[in-house]
Amino acid sequence: QVQLVESGGGVVQAGGSLRLSCAFSGRTSSNYALAWFRQAPGKERGFVAVVNWSGGRTSYADSVEGRFTISRDNAKNTVYLQMNSLKPEDTAVYYCAADKLFGRVAPVYEYWGRGTQVTVSS
């Protein structure tokens, strides 16, 4: 079992920045890939970014490439999503997810957090 708890969401103006954190725990959680997904009202949950177990490999959705950065600190059992140059279309609930596979689609992921709301005002 892996437990995930997100934090750091809030309201920010367009062009601003936020850093999301996800604390993970579980006996082998440091061996898992960790990802961020997001879901806006009326839309499907979509991929944002993923980092492998060591932090040495990452992948991003085209819509956030160059603006968002995913990283992890296994000593602190935390994964981060630094979000810069935020746009109103980034408004969504952001979810942290974990799985042994390094994937870009939600059904791959076995474990999920409850999400944190990010609202970007224009």
C-alpha atoms as a PDB file:
ATOM      1  CA  GLN A   1       0.000   0.000   0.000  1.00  0.00           C
ATOM      2  CA  VAL A   2       1.099   3.535  -0.807  1.00  0.00           C
ATOM      3  CA  GLN A   3      -0.527   6.564   0.758  1.00  0.00           C
ATOM      4  CA  LEU A   4      -0.441   9.963  -0.940  1.00  0.00           C
ATOM      5  CA  VAL A   5      -1.385  13.374   0.486  1.00  0.00           C
ATOM      6  CA  GLU A   6      -1.291  16.504  -1.668  1.00  0.00           C
ATOM      7  CA  SER A   7      -0.856  20.075  -0.453  1.00  0.00           C
ATOM      8  CA  GLY A   8       0.006  23.518  -1.766  1.00  0.00           C
ATOM      9  CA  GLY A   9      -3.013  24.348  -3.874  1.00  0.00           C
ATOM     10  CA  GLY A  10      -4.645  27.761  -3.814  1.00  0.00           C
ATOM     11  CA  VAL A  11      -5.696  30.782  -5.815  1.00  0.00           C
ATOM     12  CA  VAL A  12      -3.128  32.643  -7.917  1.00  0.00           C
ATOM     13  CA  GLN A  13      -3.262  35.267 -10.644  1.00  0.00           C
ATOM     14  CA  ALA A  14      -2.359  34.426 -14.204  1.00  0.00           C
ATOM     15  CA  GLY A  15       1.392  34.549 -14.661  1.00  0.00           C
ATOM     16  CA  GLY A  16       2.028  33.568 -11.078  1.00  0.00           C
ATOM     17  CA  SER A  17       3.567  30.459  -9.545  1.00  0.00           C
ATOM     18  CA  LEU A  18       2.609  27.703  -7.125  1.00  0.00           C
ATOM     19  CA  ARG A  19       4.421  24.655  -5.801  1.00  0.00           C
ATOM     20  CA  LEU A  20       2.425  21.548  -5.057  1.00  0.00           C
ATOM     21  CA  SER A  21       3.729  18.865  -2.726  1.00  0.00           C
ATOM     22  CA  CYS A  22       2.708  15.246  -2.332  1.00  0.00           C
ATOM     23  CA  ALA A  23       3.837  13.294   0.706  1.00  0.00           C
ATOM     24  CA  PHE A  24       4.057   9.585   0.017  1.00  0.00           C
ATOM     25  CA  SER A  25       4.387   6.700   2.451  1.00  0.00           C
ATOM     26  CA  GLY A  26       4.397   2.947   2.328  1.00  0.00           C
ATOM     27  CA  ARG A  27       6.955   0.220   2.679  1.00  0.00           C
ATOM     28  CA  THR A  28       8.305   0.391  -0.891  1.00  0.00           C
ATOM     29  CA  SER A  29       6.963   3.765  -1.989  1.00  0.00           C
ATOM     30  CA  SER A  30      10.400   5.103  -2.898  1.00  0.00           C
ATOM     31  CA  ASN A  31      10.509   2.495  -5.680  1.00  0.00           C
ATOM     32  CA  TYR A  32       7.404   3.841  -7.384  1.00  0.00           C
ATOM     33  CA  ALA A  33       7.012   6.301 -10.238  1.00  0.00           C
ATOM     34  CA  LEU A  34       5.081   9.369  -9.096  1.00  0.00           C
ATOM     35  CA  ALA A  35       2.868  11.468 -11.308  1.00  0.00           C
ATOM     36  CA  TRP A  36       0.594  14.479 -11.291  1.00  0.00           C
ATOM     37  CA  PHE A  37      -2.753  14.501 -13.052  1.00  0.00           C
ATOM     38  CA  ARG A  38      -5.418  17.177 -13.128  1.00  0.00           C
ATOM     39  CA  GLN A  39      -9.146  17.345 -13.641  1.00  0.00           C
ATOM     40  CA  ALA A  40     -11.167  20.434 -14.483  1.00  0.00           C
ATOM     41  CA  PRO A  41     -14.960  20.523 -14.082  1.00  0.00           C
ATOM     42  CA  GLY A  42     -16.671  18.562 -16.831  1.00  0.00           C
ATOM     43  CA  LYS A  43     -13.386  17.171 -18.181  1.00  0.00           C
ATOM     44  CA  GLU A  44     -11.557  13.890 -17.900  1.00  0.00           C
ATOM     45  CA  ARG A  45      -8.570  13.491 -15.634  1.00  0.00           C
ATOM     46  CA  GLY A  46      -5.487  14.334 -17.685  1.00  0.00           C
ATOM     47  CA  PHE A  47      -1.768  13.693 -17.403  1.00  0.00           C
ATOM     48  CA  VAL A  48       0.494  16.521 -16.263  1.00  0.00           C
ATOM     49  CA  ALA A  49       3.915  15.085 -15.380  1.00  0.00           C
ATOM     50  CA  VAL A  50       5.673  11.964 -14.111  1.00  0.00           C
ATOM     51  CA  VAL A  51       9.022  11.221 -12.477  1.00  0.00           C
ATOM     52  CA  ASN A  52      10.628   7.807 -12.125  1.00  0.00           C
ATOM     53  CA  TRP A  53      11.716   6.250  -8.817  1.00  0.00           C
ATOM     54  CA  SER A  54      15.172   7.855  -8.813  1.00  0.00           C
ATOM     55  CA  GLY A  55      14.174  11.260 -10.144  1.00  0.00           C
ATOM     56  CA  GLY A  56      16.386  10.782 -13.177  1.00  0.00           C
ATOM     57  CA  ARG A  57      13.641  10.488 -15.758  1.00  0.00           C
ATOM     58  CA  THR A  58      10.683  12.804 -16.281  1.00  0.00           C
ATOM     59  CA  SER A  59       7.930  13.342 -18.824  1.00  0.00           C
ATOM     60  CA  TYR A  60       5.487  16.208 -19.292  1.00  0.00           C
ATOM     61  CA  ALA A  61       2.258  16.951 -21.091  1.00  0.00           C
ATOM     62  CA  ASP A  62       2.789  19.289 -24.034  1.00  0.00           C
ATOM     63  CA  SER A  63       0.529  21.889 -22.411  1.00  0.00           C
ATOM     64  CA  VAL A  64       2.850  22.307 -19.399  1.00  0.00           C
ATOM     65  CA  GLU A  65       6.277  21.589 -20.932  1.00  0.00           C
ATOM     66  CA  GLY A  66       8.651  24.443 -20.096  1.00  0.00           C
ATOM     67  CA  ARG A  67       6.355  25.881 -17.407  1.00  0.00           C
ATOM     68  CA  PHE A  68       6.052  23.043 -14.872  1.00  0.00           C
ATOM     69  CA  THR A  69       8.802  21.022 -13.221  1.00  0.00           C
ATOM     70  CA  ILE A  70       8.332  17.738 -11.380  1.00  0.00           C
ATOM     71  CA  SER A  71      10.898  16.543  -8.850  1.00  0.00           C
ATOM     72  CA  ARG A  72      11.116  14.196  -5.906  1.00  0.00           C
ATOM     73  CA  ASP A  73      13.066  13.924  -2.680  1.00  0.00           C
ATOM     74  CA  ASN A  74      13.037  10.317  -1.500  1.00  0.00           C
ATOM     75  CA  ALA A  75      14.737  11.276   1.759  1.00  0.00           C
ATOM     76  CA  LYS A  76      11.708  13.441   2.534  1.00  0.00           C
ATOM     77  CA  ASN A  77       9.214  11.105   0.858  1.00  0.00           C
ATOM     78  CA  THR A  78       7.860  13.998  -1.163  1.00  0.00           C
ATOM     79  CA  VAL A  79       7.217  14.753  -4.821  1.00  0.00           C
ATOM     80  CA  TYR A  80       6.856  18.330  -6.007  1.00  0.00           C
ATOM     81  CA  LEU A  81       5.257  20.118  -8.924  1.00  0.00           C
ATOM     82  CA  GLN A  82       6.629  23.610  -9.473  1.00  0.00           C
ATOM     83  CA  MET A  83       4.167  25.515 -11.634  1.00  0.00           C
ATOM     84  CA  ASN A  84       5.260  28.781 -13.252  1.00  0.00           C
ATOM     85  CA  SER A  85       3.599  31.130 -15.743  1.00  0.00           C
ATOM     86  CA  LEU A  86       0.215  29.812 -14.717  1.00  0.00           C
ATOM     87  CA  LYS A  87      -2.757  30.280 -17.028  1.00  0.00           C
ATOM     88  CA  PRO A  88      -6.491  30.229 -16.311  1.00  0.00           C
ATOM     89  CA  GLU A  89      -6.705  26.937 -18.225  1.00  0.00           C
ATOM     90  CA  ASP A  90      -4.460  25.364 -15.588  1.00  0.00           C
ATOM     91  CA  THR A  91      -7.349  25.633 -13.132  1.00  0.00           C
ATOM     92  CA  ALA A  92      -8.197  22.126 -11.908  1.00  0.00           C
ATOM     93  CA  VAL A  93      -7.983  19.691  -9.045  1.00  0.00           C
ATOM     94  CA  TYR A  94      -4.462  18.273  -9.086  1.00  0.00           C
ATOM     95  CA  TYR A  95      -3.935  14.660  -8.070  1.00  0.00           C
ATOM     96  CA  CYS A  96      -0.798  12.801  -7.104  1.00  0.00           C
ATOM     97  CA  ALA A  97      -0.534   9.167  -8.232  1.00  0.00           C
ATOM     98  CA  ALA A  98       1.910   6.298  -7.769  1.00  0.00           C
ATOM     99  CA  ASP A  99       2.645   3.076  -9.599  1.00  0.00           C
ATOM    100  CA  LYS A 100       5.549   0.759 -10.317  1.00  0.00           C
ATOM    101  CA  LEU A 101       5.187   1.601 -14.023  1.00  0.00           C
ATOM    102  CA  PHE A 102       6.309   4.892 -15.574  1.00  0.00           C
ATOM    103  CA  GLY A 103       3.171   5.948 -17.433  1.00  0.00           C
ATOM    104  CA  ARG A 104       1.233   8.887 -18.853  1.00  0.00           C
ATOM    105  CA  VAL A 105      -2.308   7.561 -18.574  1.00  0.00           C
ATOM    106  CA  ALA A 106      -4.480   7.501 -15.459  1.00  0.00           C
ATOM    107  CA  PRO A 107      -5.600   3.826 -15.616  1.00  0.00           C
ATOM    108  CA  VAL A 108      -1.951   2.756 -15.171  1.00  0.00           C
ATOM    109  CA  TYR A 109      -1.809   4.166 -11.679  1.00  0.00           C
ATOM    110  CA  GLU A 110      -2.770   2.051  -8.709  1.00  0.00           C
ATOM    111  CA  TYR A 111      -2.588   4.631  -5.912  1.00  0.00           C
ATOM    112  CA  TRP A 112      -4.105   8.106  -5.767  1.00  0.00           C
ATOM    113  CA  GLY A 113      -4.279  11.051  -3.417  1.00  0.00           C
ATOM    114  CA  ARG A 114      -7.448  13.038  -2.788  1.00  0.00           C
ATOM    115  CA  GLY A 115      -6.364  16.086  -4.742  1.00  0.00           C
ATOM    116  CA  THR A 116      -5.712  19.769  -4.167  1.00  0.00           C
ATOM    117  CA  GLN A 117      -7.512  22.640  -5.903  1.00  0.00           C
ATOM    118  CA  VAL A 118      -5.571  25.096  -8.043  1.00  0.00           C
ATOM    119  CA  THR A 119      -7.419  28.159  -9.304  1.00  0.00           C
ATOM    120  CA  VAL A 120      -5.792  30.635 -11.682  1.00  0.00           C
ATOM    121  CA  SER A 121      -7.621  33.927 -12.058  1.00  0.00           C
ATOM    122  CA  SER A 122      -7.358  36.078 -15.177  1.00  0.00           C
END
